[in-house]
């Protein structure tokens, strides 16, 4: 379900780069987009973009971040 949502809203390229993991701190990369904090995100090596936060309340704000 998550992959289909990502593909529909963010495109096929984003779906190919999607990683679904119960421990987010194990992921490697520059950015982690997540709406839930408390599953290892504090150990992620890159930048966390917390979806539905005051800074990134909607997907448009996430997309805007990457377009800058």
N, C-alpha and C. Protein backbone atom coordinates (compact mmCIF):
# COMPACT_ATOMS: atom_id res chain seq x y z
N UNK A 1 0.81 -1.20 0.00
CA UNK A 1 0.00 0.00 0.00
C UNK A 1 0.85 1.26 0.00
N UNK A 2 1.89 1.30 0.84
CA UNK A 2 2.72 2.50 0.89
C UNK A 2 3.41 2.75 -0.44
N UNK A 3 3.93 1.69 -1.06
CA UNK A 3 4.62 1.86 -2.33
C UNK A 3 3.67 2.42 -3.38
N UNK A 4 2.45 1.93 -3.42
CA UNK A 4 1.47 2.41 -4.39
C UNK A 4 1.15 3.89 -4.16
N UNK A 5 1.04 4.27 -2.88
CA UNK A 5 0.77 5.67 -2.55
C UNK A 5 1.93 6.55 -3.00
N UNK A 6 3.15 6.12 -2.71
CA UNK A 6 4.33 6.89 -3.11
C UNK A 6 4.37 7.03 -4.63
N UNK A 7 4.14 5.94 -5.34
CA UNK A 7 4.15 5.99 -6.80
C UNK A 7 3.09 6.95 -7.33
N UNK A 8 1.90 6.89 -6.79
CA UNK A 8 0.81 7.74 -7.26
C UNK A 8 1.08 9.22 -7.00
N UNK A 9 1.62 9.54 -5.82
CA UNK A 9 1.76 10.94 -5.42
C UNK A 9 3.14 11.54 -5.72
N UNK A 10 4.18 10.70 -5.74
CA UNK A 10 5.53 11.22 -5.92
C UNK A 10 6.22 10.71 -7.18
N UNK A 11 5.62 9.71 -7.82
CA UNK A 11 6.17 9.23 -9.08
C UNK A 11 6.89 7.89 -8.95
N UNK A 12 7.08 7.27 -10.09
CA UNK A 12 7.71 5.95 -10.14
C UNK A 12 9.16 5.97 -9.66
N UNK A 13 9.90 7.03 -9.99
CA UNK A 13 11.28 7.12 -9.52
C UNK A 13 11.37 7.09 -8.00
N UNK A 14 10.47 7.79 -7.34
CA UNK A 14 10.46 7.79 -5.87
C UNK A 14 10.11 6.41 -5.33
N UNK A 15 9.20 5.71 -5.98
CA UNK A 15 8.82 4.37 -5.53
C UNK A 15 10.00 3.40 -5.62
N UNK A 16 10.83 3.54 -6.65
CA UNK A 16 12.01 2.68 -6.80
C UNK A 16 13.06 2.95 -5.72
N UNK A 17 13.01 4.13 -5.10
CA UNK A 17 13.97 4.50 -4.07
C UNK A 17 13.41 4.32 -2.66
N UNK A 18 12.18 3.84 -2.56
CA UNK A 18 11.48 3.70 -1.29
C UNK A 18 12.06 2.55 -0.47
N UNK A 19 12.29 2.81 0.82
CA UNK A 19 12.72 1.77 1.76
C UNK A 19 11.72 1.77 2.91
N UNK A 20 11.13 0.62 3.18
CA UNK A 20 10.20 0.48 4.30
C UNK A 20 10.90 -0.38 5.34
N UNK A 21 11.09 0.19 6.54
CA UNK A 21 11.87 -0.48 7.57
C UNK A 21 11.30 -0.17 8.95
N UNK A 22 11.27 -1.16 9.87
CA UNK A 22 10.81 -0.88 11.22
C UNK A 22 11.84 -0.13 12.06
N UNK A 23 13.12 -0.15 11.66
CA UNK A 23 14.17 0.58 12.38
C UNK A 23 14.80 1.57 11.41
N UNK A 24 14.35 2.80 11.45
CA UNK A 24 14.78 3.81 10.49
C UNK A 24 16.24 4.19 10.63
N UNK A 25 16.85 3.95 11.77
CA UNK A 25 18.25 4.26 11.98
C UNK A 25 19.18 3.37 11.18
N UNK A 26 18.70 2.26 10.65
CA UNK A 26 19.51 1.37 9.84
C UNK A 26 19.65 1.84 8.40
N UNK A 27 18.79 2.76 7.99
CA UNK A 27 18.82 3.26 6.61
C UNK A 27 20.01 4.19 6.42
N UNK A 28 20.55 4.17 5.21
CA UNK A 28 21.63 5.08 4.84
C UNK A 28 21.10 6.04 3.78
N UNK A 29 21.53 7.27 3.84
CA UNK A 29 21.11 8.22 2.83
C UNK A 29 21.22 9.64 3.33
N UNK A 30 20.79 10.54 2.50
CA UNK A 30 20.86 11.96 2.84
C UNK A 30 19.60 12.46 3.52
N UNK A 31 18.43 11.88 3.16
CA UNK A 31 17.16 12.36 3.68
C UNK A 31 16.26 11.20 4.08
N UNK A 32 15.52 11.40 5.15
CA UNK A 32 14.50 10.46 5.60
C UNK A 32 13.21 11.24 5.78
N UNK A 33 12.17 10.85 5.06
CA UNK A 33 10.85 11.47 5.20
C UNK A 33 10.00 10.51 6.00
N UNK A 34 9.50 10.95 7.14
CA UNK A 34 8.69 10.09 7.98
C UNK A 34 7.70 10.92 8.77
N UNK A 35 6.55 10.36 9.04
CA UNK A 35 5.53 11.07 9.82
C UNK A 35 5.52 10.64 11.27
N UNK A 36 6.26 9.61 11.60
CA UNK A 36 6.27 9.09 12.97
C UNK A 36 7.70 9.14 13.50
N UNK A 37 7.88 9.64 14.70
CA UNK A 37 9.20 9.71 15.31
C UNK A 37 9.20 8.75 16.50
N UNK A 38 10.23 7.93 16.59
CA UNK A 38 10.34 7.01 17.70
C UNK A 38 10.73 5.60 17.29
N UNK A 39 11.19 5.45 16.05
CA UNK A 39 11.61 4.14 15.57
C UNK A 39 13.02 4.21 15.01
N UNK A 40 13.92 4.85 15.74
CA UNK A 40 15.32 4.91 15.34
C UNK A 40 15.67 6.10 14.47
N UNK A 41 14.74 6.98 14.20
CA UNK A 41 15.02 8.12 13.34
C UNK A 41 16.15 8.99 13.89
N UNK A 42 16.30 9.04 15.20
CA UNK A 42 17.36 9.85 15.80
C UNK A 42 18.75 9.31 15.45
N UNK A 43 18.82 8.06 15.01
CA UNK A 43 20.10 7.45 14.61
C UNK A 43 20.35 7.52 13.11
N UNK A 44 19.43 8.10 12.37
CA UNK A 44 19.60 8.23 10.92
C UNK A 44 20.72 9.21 10.65
N UNK A 45 21.62 8.86 9.72
CA UNK A 45 22.80 9.67 9.47
C UNK A 45 22.51 10.98 8.72
N UNK A 46 21.43 11.05 7.98
CA UNK A 46 21.12 12.23 7.18
C UNK A 46 20.13 13.15 7.87
N UNK A 47 19.41 13.89 7.07
CA UNK A 47 18.45 14.87 7.57
C UNK A 47 17.05 14.27 7.60
N UNK A 48 16.37 14.43 8.72
CA UNK A 48 15.00 13.96 8.87
C UNK A 48 14.04 15.07 8.48
N UNK A 49 13.13 14.76 7.57
CA UNK A 49 12.04 15.66 7.22
C UNK A 49 10.77 15.04 7.79
N UNK A 50 10.29 15.62 8.89
CA UNK A 50 9.13 15.03 9.56
C UNK A 50 7.85 15.52 8.90
N UNK A 51 7.23 14.61 8.16
CA UNK A 51 5.96 14.89 7.49
C UNK A 51 4.88 15.13 8.53
N UNK A 52 4.00 16.07 8.25
CA UNK A 52 2.90 16.49 9.12
C UNK A 52 3.39 17.26 10.34
N UNK A 53 4.63 17.76 10.29
CA UNK A 53 5.14 18.64 11.35
C UNK A 53 4.80 20.08 10.97
N UNK A 54 5.11 21.03 11.84
CA UNK A 54 4.83 22.43 11.51
C UNK A 54 5.67 22.90 10.33
N UNK A 55 6.87 22.34 10.16
CA UNK A 55 7.73 22.73 9.04
C UNK A 55 7.33 22.05 7.73
N UNK A 56 6.85 20.81 7.80
CA UNK A 56 6.45 20.05 6.61
C UNK A 56 5.05 19.46 6.82
N UNK A 57 4.03 20.31 6.81
CA UNK A 57 2.67 19.84 7.12
C UNK A 57 2.02 19.01 6.02
N UNK A 58 2.40 19.23 4.78
CA UNK A 58 1.80 18.53 3.64
C UNK A 58 2.89 18.14 2.66
N UNK A 59 2.57 17.25 1.72
CA UNK A 59 3.56 16.78 0.76
C UNK A 59 4.10 17.92 -0.11
N UNK A 60 3.28 18.91 -0.37
CA UNK A 60 3.75 20.03 -1.17
C UNK A 60 4.95 20.70 -0.51
N UNK A 61 4.98 20.79 0.81
CA UNK A 61 6.10 21.39 1.51
C UNK A 61 7.35 20.51 1.42
N UNK A 62 7.18 19.20 1.41
CA UNK A 62 8.30 18.28 1.22
C UNK A 62 8.87 18.45 -0.19
N UNK A 63 7.99 18.46 -1.17
CA UNK A 63 8.43 18.63 -2.56
C UNK A 63 9.13 19.97 -2.75
N UNK A 64 8.62 21.00 -2.13
CA UNK A 64 9.22 22.34 -2.23
C UNK A 64 10.66 22.31 -1.68
N UNK A 65 10.89 21.59 -0.61
CA UNK A 65 12.23 21.46 -0.04
C UNK A 65 13.22 20.94 -1.07
N UNK A 66 12.82 19.93 -1.83
CA UNK A 66 13.71 19.31 -2.82
C UNK A 66 13.84 20.14 -4.10
N UNK A 67 12.92 21.04 -4.34
CA UNK A 67 12.97 21.86 -5.55
C UNK A 67 13.88 23.06 -5.38
N UNK A 68 14.26 23.39 -4.16
CA UNK A 68 15.12 24.58 -3.91
C UNK A 68 16.52 24.37 -4.41
